[in-house]
Amino acid sequence: MAENIIEQNGDAILKTVDGVYTVQIGDNEPVVLKRPNGNDFVENSAFEYIQAEPLVGGGFVAVARFTDGSISLREFDANGDITSFTAGQPADNYIEQEPGYGIDINGDGEIGATGPAYLDQAG
């Protein structure tokens, strides 16, 4: 069985097993990510999954990056069935959603928008 860990920085491990995308949380068995038609998400040339984290209340979110650099957020239930997804958009469009998912979606090293820096001018 060929296993390739893609990302493991948070509470979930995103990996492929024999070319099939899976998410593993803790010591649980990996869960296969499934398309709306029930087929497995497999490695392909159109996009790749790059991050995954568990959702409050169960299931998880995975970040898909398309070849043009756009991002799609995809939510899955605990069985790996996709429950919702967004159309591909620039990663910066998701800054407001980063804290809710606990993922640095746009790769700027911060979770959420950072406010402007102010200098103390009171002296």
N, C-alpha and C. Protein backbone atom coordinates (compact mmCIF):
# COMPACT_ATOMS: atom_id res chain seq x y z
N MET A 1 0.84 -1.16 0.00
CA MET A 1 0.00 0.00 0.00
C MET A 1 0.90 1.24 0.00
N ALA A 2 0.76 2.08 -1.04
CA ALA A 2 1.55 3.30 -1.15
C ALA A 2 0.83 4.44 -0.43
N GLU A 3 1.51 5.01 0.58
CA GLU A 3 0.91 6.07 1.38
C GLU A 3 1.78 7.32 1.26
N ASN A 4 1.14 8.48 1.00
CA ASN A 4 1.87 9.73 0.85
C ASN A 4 1.20 10.78 1.73
N ILE A 5 1.88 11.23 2.78
CA ILE A 5 1.34 12.27 3.65
C ILE A 5 1.50 13.62 2.94
N ILE A 6 0.38 14.33 2.81
CA ILE A 6 0.37 15.63 2.16
C ILE A 6 0.52 16.75 3.18
N GLU A 7 -0.21 16.63 4.30
CA GLU A 7 -0.20 17.68 5.31
C GLU A 7 -0.63 17.08 6.64
N GLN A 8 0.08 17.47 7.72
CA GLN A 8 -0.26 16.95 9.04
C GLN A 8 -0.01 17.98 10.14
N ASN A 9 -0.15 19.26 9.81
CA ASN A 9 0.18 20.32 10.75
C ASN A 9 -0.88 20.58 11.82
N GLY A 10 -2.12 20.19 11.60
CA GLY A 10 -3.18 20.47 12.57
C GLY A 10 -3.65 19.21 13.26
N ASP A 11 -4.96 19.09 13.40
CA ASP A 11 -5.55 17.94 14.08
C ASP A 11 -5.90 16.79 13.15
N ALA A 12 -5.63 16.94 11.86
CA ALA A 12 -5.93 15.89 10.89
C ALA A 12 -4.71 15.63 10.02
N ILE A 13 -4.64 14.43 9.49
CA ILE A 13 -3.59 14.07 8.55
C ILE A 13 -4.25 13.87 7.19
N LEU A 14 -3.83 14.66 6.21
CA LEU A 14 -4.31 14.52 4.84
C LEU A 14 -3.27 13.71 4.09
N LYS A 15 -3.71 12.64 3.44
CA LYS A 15 -2.76 11.80 2.70
C LYS A 15 -3.46 11.09 1.55
N THR A 16 -2.65 10.52 0.68
CA THR A 16 -3.19 9.62 -0.33
C THR A 16 -2.74 8.20 0.02
N VAL A 17 -3.62 7.28 -0.22
CA VAL A 17 -3.32 5.86 -0.06
C VAL A 17 -3.64 5.22 -1.40
N ASP A 18 -2.61 4.74 -2.08
CA ASP A 18 -2.76 4.19 -3.43
C ASP A 18 -3.47 5.17 -4.35
N GLY A 19 -3.14 6.48 -4.22
CA GLY A 19 -3.69 7.51 -5.09
C GLY A 19 -5.05 8.03 -4.69
N VAL A 20 -5.64 7.54 -3.61
CA VAL A 20 -6.95 7.96 -3.14
C VAL A 20 -6.76 8.91 -1.96
N TYR A 21 -7.43 10.08 -2.00
CA TYR A 21 -7.32 11.04 -0.89
C TYR A 21 -8.05 10.53 0.34
N THR A 22 -7.37 10.65 1.50
CA THR A 22 -7.95 10.25 2.78
C THR A 22 -7.61 11.30 3.84
N VAL A 23 -8.42 11.30 4.90
CA VAL A 23 -8.16 12.15 6.06
C VAL A 23 -8.21 11.25 7.29
N GLN A 24 -7.23 11.45 8.17
CA GLN A 24 -7.18 10.67 9.40
C GLN A 24 -7.13 11.63 10.57
N ILE A 25 -8.02 11.42 11.54
CA ILE A 25 -8.05 12.24 12.74
C ILE A 25 -7.66 11.36 13.92
N GLY A 26 -6.58 11.75 14.59
CA GLY A 26 -6.11 10.98 15.73
C GLY A 26 -5.72 9.57 15.34
N ASP A 27 -6.09 8.61 16.20
CA ASP A 27 -5.77 7.21 15.94
C ASP A 27 -6.86 6.49 15.15
N ASN A 28 -7.87 7.25 14.69
CA ASN A 28 -8.95 6.64 13.91
C ASN A 28 -8.44 6.16 12.56
N GLU A 29 -9.17 5.25 11.97
CA GLU A 29 -8.85 4.78 10.62
C GLU A 29 -8.99 5.93 9.63
N PRO A 30 -8.17 5.99 8.59
CA PRO A 30 -8.33 7.03 7.56
C PRO A 30 -9.71 6.93 6.89
N VAL A 31 -10.28 8.08 6.57
CA VAL A 31 -11.57 8.16 5.90
C VAL A 31 -11.32 8.58 4.46
N VAL A 32 -11.89 7.87 3.51
CA VAL A 32 -11.73 8.17 2.09
C VAL A 32 -12.65 9.33 1.71
N LEU A 33 -12.11 10.32 1.00
CA LEU A 33 -12.91 11.44 0.52
C LEU A 33 -13.69 11.01 -0.72
N LYS A 34 -15.01 11.27 -0.70
CA LYS A 34 -15.88 10.79 -1.79
C LYS A 34 -16.56 11.95 -2.51
N ARG A 35 -16.67 11.77 -3.82
CA ARG A 35 -17.38 12.72 -4.68
C ARG A 35 -18.89 12.61 -4.43
N PRO A 36 -19.66 13.60 -4.93
CA PRO A 36 -21.12 13.52 -4.76
C PRO A 36 -21.74 12.23 -5.32
N ASN A 37 -21.11 11.64 -6.34
CA ASN A 37 -21.63 10.40 -6.93
C ASN A 37 -21.17 9.15 -6.18
N GLY A 38 -20.40 9.34 -5.10
CA GLY A 38 -19.93 8.21 -4.30
C GLY A 38 -18.57 7.69 -4.69
N ASN A 39 -18.03 8.12 -5.83
CA ASN A 39 -16.69 7.69 -6.23
C ASN A 39 -15.64 8.38 -5.37
N ASP A 40 -14.50 7.73 -5.21
CA ASP A 40 -13.41 8.29 -4.42
C ASP A 40 -12.75 9.45 -5.15
N PHE A 41 -12.31 10.46 -4.38
CA PHE A 41 -11.45 11.50 -4.95
C PHE A 41 -10.06 10.90 -5.09
N VAL A 42 -9.51 10.96 -6.29
CA VAL A 42 -8.19 10.41 -6.56
C VAL A 42 -7.28 11.51 -7.09
N GLU A 43 -5.98 11.27 -7.01
CA GLU A 43 -5.03 12.23 -7.56
C GLU A 43 -5.35 12.43 -9.04
N ASN A 44 -5.27 13.70 -9.47
CA ASN A 44 -5.56 14.00 -10.88
C ASN A 44 -4.83 15.28 -11.27
N SER A 45 -4.92 15.65 -12.54
CA SER A 45 -4.17 16.81 -13.02
C SER A 45 -4.95 18.12 -12.90
N ALA A 46 -6.23 18.09 -12.49
CA ALA A 46 -7.03 19.31 -12.41
C ALA A 46 -6.87 20.04 -11.08
N PHE A 47 -6.72 19.31 -9.98
CA PHE A 47 -6.58 19.92 -8.67
C PHE A 47 -5.93 18.94 -7.71
N GLU A 48 -5.56 19.48 -6.54
CA GLU A 48 -5.01 18.64 -5.48
C GLU A 48 -5.53 19.14 -4.14
N TYR A 49 -5.76 18.23 -3.22
CA TYR A 49 -6.09 18.61 -1.85
C TYR A 49 -4.79 18.96 -1.15
N ILE A 50 -4.80 20.08 -0.40
CA ILE A 50 -3.56 20.54 0.22
C ILE A 50 -3.63 20.65 1.74
N GLN A 51 -4.84 20.73 2.31
CA GLN A 51 -4.99 20.84 3.76
C GLN A 51 -6.32 20.23 4.17
N ALA A 52 -6.41 19.79 5.41
CA ALA A 52 -7.67 19.28 5.96
C ALA A 52 -7.66 19.48 7.47
N GLU A 53 -8.84 19.74 8.02
CA GLU A 53 -9.00 19.89 9.47
C GLU A 53 -10.39 19.39 9.85
N PRO A 54 -10.53 18.90 11.10
CA PRO A 54 -11.85 18.47 11.56
C PRO A 54 -12.77 19.67 11.75
N LEU A 55 -14.07 19.45 11.61
CA LEU A 55 -15.08 20.48 11.85
C LEU A 55 -15.70 20.29 13.22
N VAL A 56 -16.07 21.38 13.85
CA VAL A 56 -16.80 21.30 15.11
C VAL A 56 -18.12 20.60 14.81
N GLY A 57 -18.46 19.60 15.58
CA GLY A 57 -19.70 18.87 15.35
C GLY A 57 -19.53 17.64 14.48
N GLY A 58 -18.34 17.40 13.97
CA GLY A 58 -18.08 16.20 13.18
C GLY A 58 -17.77 16.49 11.72
N GLY A 59 -17.14 15.56 11.09
CA GLY A 59 -16.73 15.72 9.70
C GLY A 59 -15.46 16.55 9.62
N PHE A 60 -15.17 17.04 8.45
CA PHE A 60 -13.95 17.82 8.25
C PHE A 60 -14.06 18.67 7.00
N VAL A 61 -13.17 19.62 6.88
CA VAL A 61 -13.05 20.48 5.71
C VAL A 61 -11.72 20.18 5.05
N ALA A 62 -11.72 20.20 3.73
CA ALA A 62 -10.48 20.02 2.97
C ALA A 62 -10.36 21.17 1.98
N VAL A 63 -9.14 21.60 1.76
CA VAL A 63 -8.85 22.69 0.83
C VAL A 63 -8.32 22.08 -0.45
N ALA A 64 -9.00 22.37 -1.57
CA ALA A 64 -8.56 21.91 -2.88
C ALA A 64 -7.96 23.09 -3.64
N ARG A 65 -6.79 22.89 -4.25
CA ARG A 65 -6.15 23.92 -5.05
C ARG A 65 -6.13 23.46 -6.51
N PHE A 66 -6.69 24.31 -7.38
CA PHE A 66 -6.72 24.00 -8.81
C PHE A 66 -5.42 24.45 -9.48
N THR A 67 -5.20 23.99 -10.69
CA THR A 67 -3.96 24.30 -11.40
C THR A 67 -3.80 25.79 -11.66
N ASP A 68 -4.90 26.56 -11.71
CA ASP A 68 -4.80 28.00 -11.90
C ASP A 68 -4.54 28.75 -10.60
N GLY A 69 -4.38 28.01 -9.48
CA GLY A 69 -4.12 28.61 -8.19
C GLY A 69 -5.35 28.92 -7.36
N SER A 70 -6.54 28.79 -7.95
CA SER A 70 -7.76 29.07 -7.19
C SER A 70 -8.00 27.96 -6.17
N ILE A 71 -8.81 28.28 -5.16
CA ILE A 71 -9.06 27.40 -4.03
C ILE A 71 -10.55 27.08 -3.94
N SER A 72 -10.87 25.86 -3.53
CA SER A 72 -12.23 25.45 -3.23
C SER A 72 -12.23 24.83 -1.84
N LEU A 73 -13.17 25.27 -0.99
CA LEU A 73 -13.34 24.65 0.32
C LEU A 73 -14.40 23.58 0.21
N ARG A 74 -14.09 22.40 0.73
CA ARG A 74 -15.01 21.26 0.61
C ARG A 74 -15.23 20.64 1.98
N GLU A 75 -16.49 20.57 2.37
CA GLU A 75 -16.84 19.98 3.65
C GLU A 75 -17.33 18.55 3.43
N PHE A 76 -16.91 17.67 4.34
CA PHE A 76 -17.25 16.25 4.29
C PHE A 76 -17.84 15.83 5.62
N ASP A 77 -18.73 14.85 5.60
CA ASP A 77 -19.22 14.30 6.86
C ASP A 77 -18.19 13.30 7.38
N ALA A 78 -18.47 12.70 8.53
CA ALA A 78 -17.52 11.78 9.17
C ALA A 78 -17.26 10.54 8.34
N ASN A 79 -18.14 10.23 7.38
CA ASN A 79 -17.95 9.07 6.50
C ASN A 79 -17.15 9.39 5.24
N GLY A 80 -16.79 10.67 5.06
CA GLY A 80 -16.04 11.07 3.88
C GLY A 80 -16.90 11.51 2.72
N ASP A 81 -18.23 11.57 2.92
CA ASP A 81 -19.12 12.03 1.85
C ASP A 81 -19.12 13.55 1.80
N ILE A 82 -18.94 14.12 0.62
CA ILE A 82 -18.92 15.57 0.47
C ILE A 82 -20.32 16.11 0.77
N THR A 83 -20.38 17.17 1.56
CA THR A 83 -21.67 17.77 1.92
C THR A 83 -21.83 19.17 1.37
N SER A 84 -20.73 19.87 1.09
CA SER A 84 -20.79 21.19 0.47
C SER A 84 -19.43 21.54 -0.10
N PHE A 85 -19.44 22.49 -1.04
CA PHE A 85 -18.18 22.94 -1.62
C PHE A 85 -18.38 24.31 -2.24
N THR A 86 -17.29 25.04 -2.37
CA THR A 86 -17.32 26.34 -3.02
C THR A 86 -16.69 26.22 -4.40
N ALA A 87 -17.06 27.15 -5.26
CA ALA A 87 -16.40 27.23 -6.57
C ALA A 87 -14.99 27.75 -6.35
N GLY A 88 -14.09 27.46 -7.26
CA GLY A 88 -12.72 27.93 -7.15
C GLY A 88 -12.66 29.45 -7.16
N GLN A 89 -11.92 30.02 -6.22
CA GLN A 89 -11.74 31.47 -6.11
C GLN A 89 -10.34 31.75 -5.59
N PRO A 90 -9.89 33.01 -5.69
CA PRO A 90 -8.58 33.34 -5.12
C PRO A 90 -8.55 33.04 -3.62
N ALA A 91 -7.43 32.59 -3.13
CA ALA A 91 -7.29 32.22 -1.72
C ALA A 91 -7.60 33.38 -0.79
N ASP A 92 -7.26 34.61 -1.18
CA ASP A 92 -7.52 35.76 -0.31
C ASP A 92 -9.01 35.98 -0.06
N ASN A 93 -9.86 35.45 -0.90
CA ASN A 93 -11.31 35.58 -0.70
C ASN A 93 -11.78 34.81 0.53
N TYR A 94 -10.95 33.94 1.07
CA TYR A 94 -11.33 33.09 2.20
C TYR A 94 -10.77 33.57 3.54
N ILE A 95 -10.13 34.73 3.58
CA ILE A 95 -9.48 35.19 4.81
C ILE A 95 -10.46 35.21 5.98
N GLU A 96 -11.67 35.68 5.77
CA GLU A 96 -12.65 35.78 6.86
C GLU A 96 -13.07 34.40 7.37
N GLN A 97 -12.91 33.35 6.57
CA GLN A 97 -13.30 32.00 6.97
C GLN A 97 -12.17 31.23 7.65
N GLU A 98 -10.95 31.73 7.57
CA GLU A 98 -9.81 31.02 8.15
C GLU A 98 -9.99 30.70 9.63
N PRO A 99 -10.40 31.66 10.49
CA PRO A 99 -10.53 31.33 11.91
C PRO A 99 -11.54 30.21 12.20
N GLY A 100 -12.62 30.18 11.47
CA GLY A 100 -13.64 29.16 11.68
C GLY A 100 -13.15 27.76 11.34
N TYR A 101 -12.25 27.67 10.39
CA TYR A 101 -11.71 26.38 9.98
C TYR A 101 -10.37 26.07 10.65
N GLY A 102 -9.71 27.10 11.18
CA GLY A 102 -8.40 26.90 11.78
C GLY A 102 -7.33 26.58 10.75
N ILE A 103 -7.49 27.13 9.54
CA ILE A 103 -6.57 26.86 8.44
C ILE A 103 -6.09 28.18 7.84
N ASP A 104 -4.80 28.28 7.59
CA ASP A 104 -4.23 29.43 6.87
C ASP A 104 -4.43 29.16 5.38
N ILE A 105 -5.58 29.52 4.87
CA ILE A 105 -5.96 29.15 3.50
C ILE A 105 -5.11 29.88 2.46
N ASN A 106 -4.82 31.16 2.70
CA ASN A 106 -4.08 31.91 1.68
C ASN A 106 -2.57 31.84 1.85
N GLY A 107 -2.08 31.12 2.87
CA GLY A 107 -0.66 30.90 3.01
C GLY A 107 0.16 32.09 3.46
N ASP A 108 -0.48 33.07 4.12
CA ASP A 108 0.26 34.26 4.55
C ASP A 108 0.88 34.12 5.94
N GLY A 109 0.74 32.93 6.55
CA GLY A 109 1.31 32.70 7.86
C GLY A 109 0.42 33.14 9.01
N GLU A 110 -0.75 33.66 8.72
CA GLU A 110 -1.71 34.12 9.72
C GLU A 110 -3.05 33.43 9.50
N ILE A 111 -3.79 33.23 10.58
CA ILE A 111 -5.15 32.72 10.44
C ILE A 111 -6.08 33.90 10.67
N GLY A 112 -6.76 34.32 9.61
CA GLY A 112 -7.62 35.49 9.65
C GLY A 112 -6.88 36.72 9.18
N ALA A 113 -7.63 37.79 9.03
CA ALA A 113 -7.05 39.05 8.57
C ALA A 113 -6.29 39.71 9.72
N THR A 114 -5.18 40.30 9.37
CA THR A 114 -4.43 41.06 10.37
C THR A 114 -4.76 42.52 10.17
N GLY A 115 -4.96 43.21 11.25
CA GLY A 115 -5.28 44.63 11.18
C GLY A 115 -4.06 45.46 10.87
N PRO A 116 -4.26 46.71 10.56
CA PRO A 116 -3.11 47.57 10.26
C PRO A 116 -2.30 47.83 11.53
N ALA A 117 -1.04 48.02 11.35
CA ALA A 117 -0.15 48.31 12.49
C ALA A 117 -0.25 49.79 12.82
N TYR A 118 -0.38 50.11 14.09
CA TYR A 118 -0.45 51.50 14.54
C TYR A 118 0.75 51.80 15.41
N LEU A 119 1.27 52.97 15.24
CA LEU A 119 2.37 53.42 16.09
C LEU A 119 1.79 54.20 17.26
N ASP A 120 2.39 54.04 18.40
CA ASP A 120 2.00 54.80 19.58
C ASP A 120 2.53 56.21 19.41
N GLN A 121 1.62 57.13 19.17
CA GLN A 121 2.05 58.51 18.94
C GLN A 121 1.81 59.38 20.16
N ALA A 122 1.47 58.76 21.27
CA ALA A 122 1.23 59.53 22.48
C ALA A 122 2.54 59.97 23.12
N GLY A 123 3.59 59.34 22.75
CA GLY A 123 4.86 59.79 23.19
C GLY A 123 5.49 59.07 24.27
